[in-house]
Amino acid sequence: MIKNIIFDFDGVLVDSEILVAKAMKKYLACRKIKFEEKEFSKFAGKKTFQVVSELSSLFNIPDKKSFFNDIMLLANDLFSNELEVVIGVNYFLENTNHNRFIGSNSSKERIIRGLKKVGIDSYFKDVSISSFDLVGKSKPKPDVYQRLIDIATLDKKETIIIEDSTVGIQAGIAAGVKVIGLTAGKHWHKDRSDQELLDAGAYDVVENYKDMLLLINKL
């Protein structure tokens, strides 16, 4: 029986991945570079500085620091004004009584701000959040998840992780926990296959939180 659920944050609880994609598209468009939001899917789950580094090389943008700073300003503005929950999150949280945790590549401050923005902060305790700034290593390293397992003394057999990216799934598997892929976020456009999550090692992949609830209740 599953007693503990560890959620990724971006793209799993809040629809923030699509906002970063919008910021990238806007920034690059101003520089006459065509970049569609759906192209961002290949960078999902990575730290922003990693994405900036890769795009800088791809599009020959010399000033990575300015690129990063500008993207952060654009993304933070969208995060503050347009952030929404992933469809089905409220239903899922209202209909489950598992121990809830968050393991994310984001900072803890950003996670808490996002939870409050979309109105689901009451479902998560401050101590149940593990973030990049607390461990210093990003996914696919397992540290953000391992920290929760150690602090809360979680039984791995009674725990599942919900992820939307290959790096997140790799991190969960490296921590020794079963990972379920979720494709409910808006960044999962219709042309994107969930096979990438299965190939990364996901136990299963579901496209909405109702199906997630049914699956977890069977485990």
Protein backbone atom coordinates (compact mmCIF):
# COMPACT_ATOMS: atom_id res chain seq x y z
CA MET A 1 0.00 0.00 0.00
CA ILE A 2 1.24 3.46 -0.89
CA LYS A 3 1.42 5.79 2.10
CA ASN A 4 3.77 8.50 0.80
CA ILE A 5 3.64 10.55 -2.39
CA ILE A 6 6.55 12.74 -3.48
CA PHE A 7 5.55 15.26 -6.12
CA ASP A 8 7.84 17.03 -8.49
CA PHE A 9 6.84 20.70 -8.56
CA ASP A 10 7.18 22.27 -12.00
CA GLY A 11 4.88 20.59 -14.49
CA VAL A 12 3.40 18.23 -11.89
CA LEU A 13 1.77 20.50 -9.31
CA VAL A 14 1.96 23.84 -11.12
CA ASP A 15 1.90 24.57 -14.84
CA SER A 16 5.16 26.50 -14.84
CA GLU A 17 7.10 24.66 -17.56
CA ILE A 18 4.90 26.23 -20.23
CA LEU A 19 5.61 29.67 -18.76
CA VAL A 20 9.36 29.19 -19.08
CA ALA A 21 8.78 28.06 -22.66
CA LYS A 22 6.85 31.28 -23.32
CA ALA A 23 9.68 33.33 -21.82
CA MET A 24 12.22 31.56 -24.03
CA LYS A 25 10.12 32.12 -27.14
CA LYS A 26 9.66 35.81 -26.36
CA TYR A 27 13.34 36.39 -25.62
CA LEU A 28 14.53 34.63 -28.77
CA ALA A 29 11.89 36.28 -30.96
CA CYS A 30 13.27 39.68 -29.98
CA ARG A 31 16.57 38.48 -31.41
CA LYS A 32 14.96 37.25 -34.65
CA ILE A 33 15.35 33.62 -33.61
CA LYS A 34 12.37 31.35 -34.23
CA PHE A 35 11.64 29.10 -31.26
CA GLU A 36 8.30 27.42 -30.66
CA GLU A 37 7.05 26.63 -27.17
CA LYS A 38 6.77 22.93 -27.94
CA GLU A 39 10.51 22.83 -28.68
CA PHE A 40 11.10 23.50 -24.99
CA SER A 41 9.91 19.99 -24.14
CA LYS A 42 13.37 18.57 -24.78
CA PHE A 43 14.70 20.73 -21.92
CA ALA A 44 11.94 19.89 -19.41
CA GLY A 45 13.15 19.21 -15.90
CA LYS A 46 16.54 20.85 -16.35
CA LYS A 47 17.76 23.88 -14.41
CA THR A 48 17.28 27.16 -16.26
CA PHE A 49 21.01 27.86 -16.41
CA GLN A 50 21.51 24.50 -18.13
CA VAL A 51 18.85 25.33 -20.72
CA VAL A 52 20.37 28.77 -21.31
CA SER A 53 23.79 27.20 -21.80
CA GLU A 54 22.49 24.74 -24.38
CA LEU A 55 20.45 27.35 -26.26
CA SER A 56 23.38 29.77 -26.22
CA SER A 57 25.48 27.19 -28.01
CA LEU A 58 22.68 26.23 -30.38
CA PHE A 59 21.88 29.80 -31.45
CA ASN A 60 25.35 31.30 -31.02
CA ILE A 61 24.37 33.72 -28.24
CA PRO A 62 27.66 34.94 -26.72
CA ASP A 63 26.48 36.59 -23.49
CA LYS A 64 25.07 33.72 -21.44
CA LYS A 65 24.87 35.84 -18.28
CA SER A 66 22.61 38.45 -19.88
CA PHE A 67 20.58 35.70 -21.53
CA PHE A 68 20.03 34.01 -18.17
CA ASN A 69 19.18 37.24 -16.32
CA ASP A 70 16.70 38.32 -18.99
CA ILE A 71 15.02 34.93 -19.05
CA MET A 72 14.70 34.90 -15.27
CA LEU A 73 13.04 38.31 -15.30
CA LEU A 74 10.57 37.22 -17.98
CA ALA A 75 9.87 33.85 -16.36
CA ASN A 76 9.44 35.30 -12.87
CA ASP A 77 6.97 37.86 -14.18
CA LEU A 78 4.92 35.12 -15.84
CA PHE A 79 5.24 32.94 -12.71
CA SER A 80 3.88 35.76 -10.51
CA ASN A 81 0.99 36.67 -12.82
CA GLU A 82 -0.05 33.63 -14.84
CA LEU A 83 0.81 30.56 -12.76
CA GLU A 84 -1.94 27.93 -12.47
CA VAL A 85 -2.22 24.46 -10.99
CA VAL A 86 -1.87 21.52 -13.31
CA ILE A 87 -5.40 20.40 -14.22
CA GLY A 88 -6.70 17.85 -11.72
CA VAL A 89 -4.33 18.68 -8.87
CA ASN A 90 -7.06 20.00 -6.57
CA TYR A 91 -9.23 16.93 -7.19
CA PHE A 92 -6.30 14.65 -6.42
CA LEU A 93 -5.28 16.44 -3.23
CA GLU A 94 -8.85 16.57 -1.97
CA ASN A 95 -9.36 12.85 -2.54
CA THR A 96 -6.16 11.48 -1.04
CA ASN A 97 -4.82 11.34 2.48
CA HIS A 98 -1.28 10.18 1.80
CA ASN A 99 1.74 11.81 3.38
CA ARG A 100 2.70 14.49 0.84
CA PHE A 101 6.17 15.70 -0.09
CA ILE A 102 7.79 17.79 -2.82
CA GLY A 103 11.17 17.11 -4.42
CA SER A 104 12.20 19.73 -6.96
CA ASN A 105 15.04 21.30 -8.92
CA SER A 106 13.54 24.68 -7.99
CA SER A 107 14.43 26.69 -4.90
CA LYS A 108 12.38 26.28 -1.74
CA GLU A 109 11.37 29.95 -1.76
CA ARG A 110 10.02 29.63 -5.31
CA ILE A 111 8.13 26.45 -4.46
CA ILE A 112 6.45 28.01 -1.43
CA ARG A 113 5.61 31.15 -3.42
CA GLY A 114 4.11 29.03 -6.18
CA LEU A 115 2.06 26.89 -3.81
CA LYS A 116 0.58 30.02 -2.23
CA LYS A 117 -0.06 31.61 -5.63
CA VAL A 118 -2.23 28.70 -6.79
CA GLY A 119 -3.80 28.08 -3.37
CA ILE A 120 -2.54 24.60 -2.49
CA ASP A 121 0.01 25.52 0.18
CA SER A 122 -2.18 24.10 2.97
CA TYR A 123 -1.58 20.59 1.63
CA PHE A 124 2.19 20.71 2.18
CA LYS A 125 4.25 21.24 5.31
CA ASP A 126 7.39 23.34 5.12
CA VAL A 127 9.54 20.41 6.25
CA SER A 128 8.09 18.19 3.52
CA ILE A 129 9.77 20.23 0.76
CA SER A 130 13.18 19.25 -0.61
CA SER A 131 14.74 21.56 -3.16
CA PHE A 132 17.89 22.13 -5.17
CA ASP A 133 19.18 24.87 -2.86
CA LEU A 134 18.97 22.51 0.13
CA VAL A 135 21.07 19.76 -1.46
CA GLY A 136 23.19 21.53 -4.07
CA LYS A 137 22.73 18.83 -6.70
CA SER A 138 20.03 18.85 -9.34
CA LYS A 139 18.18 15.94 -10.92
CA PRO A 140 19.02 13.46 -12.41
CA LYS A 141 21.08 13.16 -9.22
CA PRO A 142 18.81 11.61 -6.55
CA ASP A 143 19.73 14.01 -3.73
CA VAL A 144 16.46 16.00 -3.53
CA TYR A 145 14.56 12.73 -3.15
CA GLN A 146 17.08 10.99 -0.94
CA ARG A 147 16.93 13.91 1.49
CA LEU A 148 13.18 13.36 2.00
CA ILE A 149 13.63 9.63 2.37
CA ASP A 150 16.26 10.16 5.05
CA ILE A 151 14.58 13.00 6.97
CA ALA A 152 11.11 11.47 7.01
CA THR A 153 12.42 7.88 7.25
CA LEU A 154 10.21 6.83 4.37
CA ASP A 155 9.75 3.19 3.48
CA LYS A 156 10.60 3.11 -0.22
CA LYS A 157 8.12 0.29 -0.84
CA GLU A 158 5.32 2.50 0.51
CA THR A 159 6.39 5.54 -1.50
CA ILE A 160 5.87 6.70 -5.08
CA ILE A 161 7.20 9.70 -6.96
CA ILE A 162 5.19 11.62 -9.56
CA GLU A 163 7.34 13.11 -12.32
CA ASP A 164 6.95 14.71 -15.74
CA SER A 165 10.52 14.65 -17.04
CA THR A 166 13.17 12.11 -17.90
CA VAL A 167 15.72 13.66 -15.52
CA GLY A 168 13.17 13.51 -12.71
CA ILE A 169 12.38 9.88 -13.38
CA GLN A 170 16.07 9.05 -13.47
CA ALA A 171 16.50 10.80 -10.11
CA GLY A 172 13.63 8.89 -8.52
CA ILE A 173 14.88 5.56 -9.79
CA ALA A 174 18.38 6.37 -8.54
CA ALA A 175 16.82 6.97 -5.11
CA GLY A 176 15.26 3.52 -5.26
CA VAL A 177 11.64 4.64 -5.50
CA LYS A 178 8.93 3.70 -7.99
CA VAL A 179 8.17 6.62 -10.32
CA ILE A 180 4.95 7.31 -12.21
CA GLY A 181 5.05 9.65 -15.18
CA LEU A 182 2.39 12.35 -15.54
CA THR A 183 1.59 14.14 -18.80
CA ALA A 184 -1.19 16.46 -17.57
CA GLY A 185 0.88 19.66 -17.81
CA LYS A 186 0.32 22.08 -20.69
CA HIS A 187 3.90 21.58 -21.85
CA TRP A 188 2.90 18.06 -22.89
CA HIS A 189 1.63 19.01 -26.33
CA LYS A 190 -0.21 16.50 -28.51
CA ASP A 191 2.84 15.72 -30.66
CA ARG A 192 4.96 14.69 -27.68
CA SER A 193 5.08 10.98 -26.86
CA ASP A 194 4.98 9.69 -23.31
CA GLN A 195 7.32 6.92 -24.44
CA GLU A 196 10.27 9.05 -23.37
CA LEU A 197 9.13 8.70 -19.75
CA LEU A 198 8.72 4.95 -20.09
CA ASP A 199 12.14 4.73 -21.72
CA ALA A 200 13.58 6.64 -18.76
CA GLY A 201 12.24 3.93 -16.46
CA ALA A 202 8.81 5.09 -15.34
CA TYR A 203 6.68 2.32 -13.83
CA ASP A 204 3.72 3.68 -15.79
CA VAL A 205 2.56 6.93 -17.39
CA VAL A 206 -0.86 8.54 -16.96
CA GLU A 207 -2.29 11.64 -18.63
CA ASN A 208 -4.48 13.00 -15.81
CA TYR A 209 -4.86 12.98 -12.06
CA LYS A 210 -8.03 10.86 -12.03
CA ASP A 211 -6.10 8.05 -13.66
CA MET A 212 -3.22 8.72 -11.27
CA LEU A 213 -5.56 8.21 -8.31
CA LEU A 214 -6.88 4.94 -9.73
CA LEU A 215 -3.36 3.65 -10.36
CA ILE A 216 -2.03 4.56 -6.93
CA ASN A 217 -5.00 2.91 -5.23
CA LYS A 218 -4.06 -0.34 -6.97
CA LEU A 219 -0.43 -0.32 -5.83
